[in-house]
Amino acid sequence: MHTPKALDEKKARFEDLMDFPAVTLMRVVGAPGDLMLLEALAVATAGGLRAAVLKGSRPSAQGNYIAHHIEVEVGDAEALRALYAALKAVPGVRIVL
């Protein structure tokens, strides 16, 4: 379990690794279907500095899940964290990487 001090240090290291504004590629994994993709793109566009771009999609071997690769530009680390949280809240999304 992380202490508040350890979490603050982890956040500081994360912010030191990226220059903002930054373009980043996010993988949104969830149930196959157009609705989840459309909602994820809308959320990513709303949370970014410009329109999110779908760079590609890849289904799982058995077809139970699909991974969408979405490119988004964010202005700062807080915006990136908020975007991860917003994407995780989209119905049908299992994980955001």
N, C-alpha and C. Protein backbone atom coordinates (compact mmCIF):
# COMPACT_ATOMS: atom_id res chain seq x y z
N MET A 1 0.84 -1.18 0.00
CA MET A 1 0.00 0.00 0.00
C MET A 1 0.89 1.24 0.00
N HIS A 2 0.48 2.25 -0.75
CA HIS A 2 1.28 3.47 -0.87
C HIS A 2 0.85 4.50 0.17
N THR A 3 1.82 5.16 0.74
CA THR A 3 1.53 6.25 1.65
C THR A 3 1.30 7.51 0.84
N PRO A 4 0.64 8.54 1.40
CA PRO A 4 0.45 9.79 0.66
C PRO A 4 1.76 10.39 0.16
N LYS A 5 2.82 10.29 0.96
CA LYS A 5 4.11 10.83 0.53
C LYS A 5 4.63 10.06 -0.68
N ALA A 6 4.49 8.73 -0.66
CA ALA A 6 4.95 7.91 -1.78
C ALA A 6 4.17 8.23 -3.05
N LEU A 7 2.86 8.47 -2.90
CA LEU A 7 2.04 8.83 -4.06
C LEU A 7 2.45 10.18 -4.63
N ASP A 8 2.75 11.14 -3.77
CA ASP A 8 3.21 12.45 -4.23
C ASP A 8 4.53 12.33 -4.98
N GLU A 9 5.42 11.50 -4.48
CA GLU A 9 6.70 11.29 -5.15
C GLU A 9 6.51 10.61 -6.50
N LYS A 10 5.59 9.66 -6.56
CA LYS A 10 5.31 8.96 -7.81
C LYS A 10 4.73 9.93 -8.84
N LYS A 11 3.84 10.81 -8.42
CA LYS A 11 3.27 11.82 -9.31
C LYS A 11 4.35 12.77 -9.82
N ALA A 12 5.25 13.17 -8.94
CA ALA A 12 6.32 14.08 -9.33
C ALA A 12 7.24 13.42 -10.36
N ARG A 13 7.55 12.16 -10.18
CA ARG A 13 8.40 11.45 -11.15
C ARG A 13 7.69 11.35 -12.49
N PHE A 14 6.40 11.06 -12.47
CA PHE A 14 5.61 10.97 -13.70
C PHE A 14 5.65 12.30 -14.45
N GLU A 15 5.45 13.39 -13.74
CA GLU A 15 5.45 14.71 -14.37
C GLU A 15 6.83 15.08 -14.90
N ASP A 16 7.88 14.57 -14.28
CA ASP A 16 9.24 14.84 -14.76
C ASP A 16 9.54 14.09 -16.05
N LEU A 17 8.86 12.99 -16.30
CA LEU A 17 9.12 12.18 -17.49
C LEU A 17 8.47 12.74 -18.76
N MET A 18 7.48 13.59 -18.62
CA MET A 18 6.75 14.11 -19.78
C MET A 18 6.86 15.62 -19.86
N ASP A 19 6.91 16.12 -21.08
CA ASP A 19 6.83 17.55 -21.32
C ASP A 19 5.42 17.86 -21.78
N PHE A 20 4.84 18.90 -21.23
CA PHE A 20 3.46 19.26 -21.58
C PHE A 20 3.46 20.61 -22.28
N PRO A 21 2.54 20.82 -23.22
CA PRO A 21 1.52 19.89 -23.69
C PRO A 21 2.15 18.69 -24.38
N ALA A 22 1.46 17.55 -24.32
CA ALA A 22 2.00 16.30 -24.85
C ALA A 22 0.94 15.56 -25.66
N VAL A 23 1.40 14.92 -26.71
CA VAL A 23 0.54 14.01 -27.47
C VAL A 23 0.85 12.61 -26.95
N THR A 24 -0.20 11.90 -26.57
CA THR A 24 -0.01 10.56 -26.01
C THR A 24 -0.97 9.58 -26.66
N LEU A 25 -0.57 8.33 -26.71
CA LEU A 25 -1.40 7.27 -27.27
C LEU A 25 -1.95 6.45 -26.11
N MET A 26 -3.27 6.36 -26.04
CA MET A 26 -3.93 5.63 -24.97
C MET A 26 -4.59 4.39 -25.58
N ARG A 27 -4.54 3.29 -24.84
CA ARG A 27 -5.25 2.08 -25.26
C ARG A 27 -6.47 1.93 -24.37
N VAL A 28 -7.62 1.89 -25.00
CA VAL A 28 -8.88 1.71 -24.30
C VAL A 28 -9.40 0.32 -24.66
N VAL A 29 -9.47 -0.55 -23.65
CA VAL A 29 -9.86 -1.94 -23.86
C VAL A 29 -11.26 -2.15 -23.28
N GLY A 30 -12.11 -2.77 -24.10
CA GLY A 30 -13.47 -3.00 -23.63
C GLY A 30 -14.22 -3.96 -24.52
N ALA A 31 -15.51 -3.99 -24.31
CA ALA A 31 -16.38 -4.86 -25.10
C ALA A 31 -16.43 -4.37 -26.54
N PRO A 32 -16.48 -5.30 -27.49
CA PRO A 32 -16.57 -4.87 -28.89
C PRO A 32 -17.90 -4.17 -29.15
N GLY A 33 -17.85 -3.20 -30.03
CA GLY A 33 -19.06 -2.46 -30.38
C GLY A 33 -18.74 -1.01 -30.64
N ASP A 34 -19.54 -0.41 -31.51
CA ASP A 34 -19.29 0.97 -31.91
C ASP A 34 -19.61 1.98 -30.82
N LEU A 35 -20.59 1.70 -29.96
CA LEU A 35 -21.01 2.67 -28.96
C LEU A 35 -19.89 2.99 -27.98
N MET A 36 -19.19 1.97 -27.48
CA MET A 36 -18.08 2.21 -26.55
C MET A 36 -17.00 3.04 -27.22
N LEU A 37 -16.69 2.74 -28.47
CA LEU A 37 -15.67 3.49 -29.20
C LEU A 37 -16.08 4.94 -29.37
N LEU A 38 -17.30 5.17 -29.78
CA LEU A 38 -17.77 6.55 -29.98
C LEU A 38 -17.75 7.35 -28.69
N GLU A 39 -18.19 6.73 -27.60
CA GLU A 39 -18.17 7.42 -26.31
C GLU A 39 -16.74 7.70 -25.85
N ALA A 40 -15.84 6.73 -26.04
CA ALA A 40 -14.45 6.92 -25.65
C ALA A 40 -13.81 8.06 -26.46
N LEU A 41 -14.08 8.11 -27.75
CA LEU A 41 -13.55 9.19 -28.59
C LEU A 41 -14.11 10.55 -28.16
N ALA A 42 -15.39 10.59 -27.83
CA ALA A 42 -16.01 11.85 -27.38
C ALA A 42 -15.39 12.31 -26.07
N VAL A 43 -15.18 11.40 -25.13
CA VAL A 43 -14.56 11.74 -23.85
C VAL A 43 -13.13 12.21 -24.06
N ALA A 44 -12.38 11.50 -24.90
CA ALA A 44 -10.98 11.86 -25.16
C ALA A 44 -10.89 13.23 -25.84
N THR A 45 -11.79 13.51 -26.75
CA THR A 45 -11.80 14.82 -27.42
C THR A 45 -12.12 15.93 -26.43
N ALA A 46 -13.10 15.69 -25.56
CA ALA A 46 -13.48 16.70 -24.57
C ALA A 46 -12.35 16.97 -23.57
N GLY A 47 -11.56 15.96 -23.25
CA GLY A 47 -10.49 16.12 -22.27
C GLY A 47 -9.17 16.57 -22.86
N GLY A 48 -9.08 16.63 -24.16
CA GLY A 48 -7.81 17.00 -24.81
C GLY A 48 -7.82 18.43 -25.33
N LEU A 49 -6.68 18.82 -25.90
CA LEU A 49 -6.55 20.16 -26.47
C LEU A 49 -7.03 20.22 -27.91
N ARG A 50 -7.15 19.06 -28.55
CA ARG A 50 -7.66 18.98 -29.92
C ARG A 50 -8.43 17.68 -30.06
N ALA A 51 -9.03 17.46 -31.20
CA ALA A 51 -9.83 16.26 -31.41
C ALA A 51 -8.97 15.00 -31.27
N ALA A 52 -9.51 14.02 -30.57
CA ALA A 52 -8.83 12.73 -30.43
C ALA A 52 -8.87 12.01 -31.77
N VAL A 53 -7.84 11.21 -32.03
CA VAL A 53 -7.73 10.50 -33.30
C VAL A 53 -7.63 9.00 -33.03
N LEU A 54 -8.48 8.21 -33.67
CA LEU A 54 -8.39 6.76 -33.57
C LEU A 54 -7.26 6.31 -34.48
N LYS A 55 -6.23 5.73 -33.89
CA LYS A 55 -5.05 5.30 -34.65
C LYS A 55 -5.14 3.83 -35.08
N GLY A 56 -6.05 3.09 -34.48
CA GLY A 56 -6.21 1.69 -34.84
C GLY A 56 -6.96 0.93 -33.77
N SER A 57 -7.41 -0.26 -34.12
CA SER A 57 -8.13 -1.13 -33.19
C SER A 57 -7.67 -2.56 -33.41
N ARG A 58 -7.71 -3.33 -32.34
CA ARG A 58 -7.28 -4.73 -32.45
C ARG A 58 -8.15 -5.59 -31.54
N PRO A 59 -8.83 -6.58 -32.11
CA PRO A 59 -9.66 -7.46 -31.27
C PRO A 59 -8.79 -8.49 -30.55
N SER A 60 -9.30 -9.00 -29.44
CA SER A 60 -8.61 -10.08 -28.73
C SER A 60 -8.71 -11.35 -29.56
N ALA A 61 -7.93 -12.34 -29.22
CA ALA A 61 -7.88 -13.59 -29.98
C ALA A 61 -9.26 -14.26 -30.08
N GLN A 62 -10.03 -14.22 -29.00
CA GLN A 62 -11.34 -14.87 -29.02
C GLN A 62 -12.47 -13.90 -29.35
N GLY A 63 -12.13 -12.63 -29.53
CA GLY A 63 -13.14 -11.64 -29.91
C GLY A 63 -13.99 -11.12 -28.77
N ASN A 64 -13.60 -11.41 -27.52
CA ASN A 64 -14.38 -10.94 -26.38
C ASN A 64 -14.13 -9.47 -26.07
N TYR A 65 -12.97 -8.97 -26.43
CA TYR A 65 -12.59 -7.58 -26.15
C TYR A 65 -11.96 -6.97 -27.39
N ILE A 66 -11.89 -5.64 -27.38
CA ILE A 66 -11.21 -4.92 -28.44
C ILE A 66 -10.39 -3.80 -27.81
N ALA A 67 -9.21 -3.59 -28.33
CA ALA A 67 -8.33 -2.51 -27.85
C ALA A 67 -8.30 -1.42 -28.92
N HIS A 68 -8.73 -0.23 -28.54
CA HIS A 68 -8.70 0.92 -29.44
C HIS A 68 -7.51 1.79 -29.05
N HIS A 69 -6.73 2.21 -30.02
CA HIS A 69 -5.56 3.06 -29.80
C HIS A 69 -5.98 4.48 -30.17
N ILE A 70 -6.04 5.35 -29.16
CA ILE A 70 -6.54 6.71 -29.35
C ILE A 70 -5.43 7.71 -29.02
N GLU A 71 -5.15 8.59 -29.98
CA GLU A 71 -4.14 9.63 -29.79
C GLU A 71 -4.84 10.89 -29.31
N VAL A 72 -4.30 11.48 -28.25
CA VAL A 72 -4.89 12.68 -27.68
C VAL A 72 -3.77 13.60 -27.20
N GLU A 73 -4.02 14.90 -27.27
CA GLU A 73 -3.07 15.89 -26.78
C GLU A 73 -3.62 16.50 -25.49
N VAL A 74 -2.79 16.50 -24.45
CA VAL A 74 -3.19 17.05 -23.15
C VAL A 74 -2.27 18.20 -22.77
N GLY A 75 -2.81 19.12 -21.99
CA GLY A 75 -2.05 20.31 -21.62
C GLY A 75 -1.17 20.15 -20.40
N ASP A 76 -1.56 19.26 -19.48
CA ASP A 76 -0.77 19.07 -18.27
C ASP A 76 -1.07 17.70 -17.65
N ALA A 77 -0.33 17.39 -16.61
CA ALA A 77 -0.46 16.07 -15.97
C ALA A 77 -1.84 15.88 -15.36
N GLU A 78 -2.40 16.93 -14.78
CA GLU A 78 -3.75 16.81 -14.19
C GLU A 78 -4.78 16.49 -15.25
N ALA A 79 -4.65 17.10 -16.43
CA ALA A 79 -5.59 16.81 -17.52
C ALA A 79 -5.45 15.36 -17.97
N LEU A 80 -4.23 14.84 -17.98
CA LEU A 80 -4.01 13.45 -18.35
C LEU A 80 -4.63 12.50 -17.33
N ARG A 81 -4.45 12.79 -16.05
CA ARG A 81 -5.05 11.96 -15.00
C ARG A 81 -6.57 12.00 -15.10
N ALA A 82 -7.12 13.19 -15.33
CA ALA A 82 -8.58 13.33 -15.45
C ALA A 82 -9.10 12.57 -16.66
N LEU A 83 -8.33 12.57 -17.73
CA LEU A 83 -8.73 11.86 -18.94
C LEU A 83 -8.75 10.34 -18.70
N TYR A 84 -7.74 9.82 -18.01
CA TYR A 84 -7.73 8.39 -17.66
C TYR A 84 -8.98 8.05 -16.85
N ALA A 85 -9.30 8.87 -15.86
CA ALA A 85 -10.47 8.60 -15.01
C ALA A 85 -11.76 8.67 -15.81
N ALA A 86 -11.88 9.66 -16.69
CA ALA A 86 -13.10 9.81 -17.50
C ALA A 86 -13.26 8.63 -18.46
N LEU A 87 -12.16 8.18 -19.06
CA LEU A 87 -12.25 7.04 -19.97
C LEU A 87 -12.61 5.75 -19.23
N LYS A 88 -12.10 5.59 -18.02
CA LYS A 88 -12.45 4.39 -17.24
C LYS A 88 -13.93 4.35 -16.88
N ALA A 89 -14.58 5.53 -16.85
CA ALA A 89 -15.99 5.60 -16.49
C ALA A 89 -16.93 5.35 -17.68
N VAL A 90 -16.40 5.25 -18.89
CA VAL A 90 -17.23 4.99 -20.07
C VAL A 90 -17.80 3.58 -19.97
N PRO A 91 -19.12 3.42 -20.16
CA PRO A 91 -19.71 2.08 -20.11
C PRO A 91 -19.08 1.14 -21.14
N GLY A 92 -18.72 -0.04 -20.70
CA GLY A 92 -18.11 -1.03 -21.58
C GLY A 92 -16.59 -1.05 -21.54
N VAL A 93 -15.98 -0.01 -20.97
CA VAL A 93 -14.52 0.04 -20.89
C VAL A 93 -14.05 -0.81 -19.72
N ARG A 94 -13.10 -1.70 -19.97
CA ARG A 94 -12.55 -2.56 -18.92
C ARG A 94 -11.28 -1.97 -18.33
N ILE A 95 -10.41 -1.43 -19.19
CA ILE A 95 -9.12 -0.91 -18.71
C ILE A 95 -8.64 0.16 -19.69
N VAL A 96 -7.88 1.12 -19.15
CA VAL A 96 -7.26 2.17 -19.96
C VAL A 96 -5.76 2.11 -19.68
N LEU A 97 -4.98 1.98 -20.73
CA LEU A 97 -3.52 1.91 -20.60
C LEU A 97 -2.89 3.10 -21.27
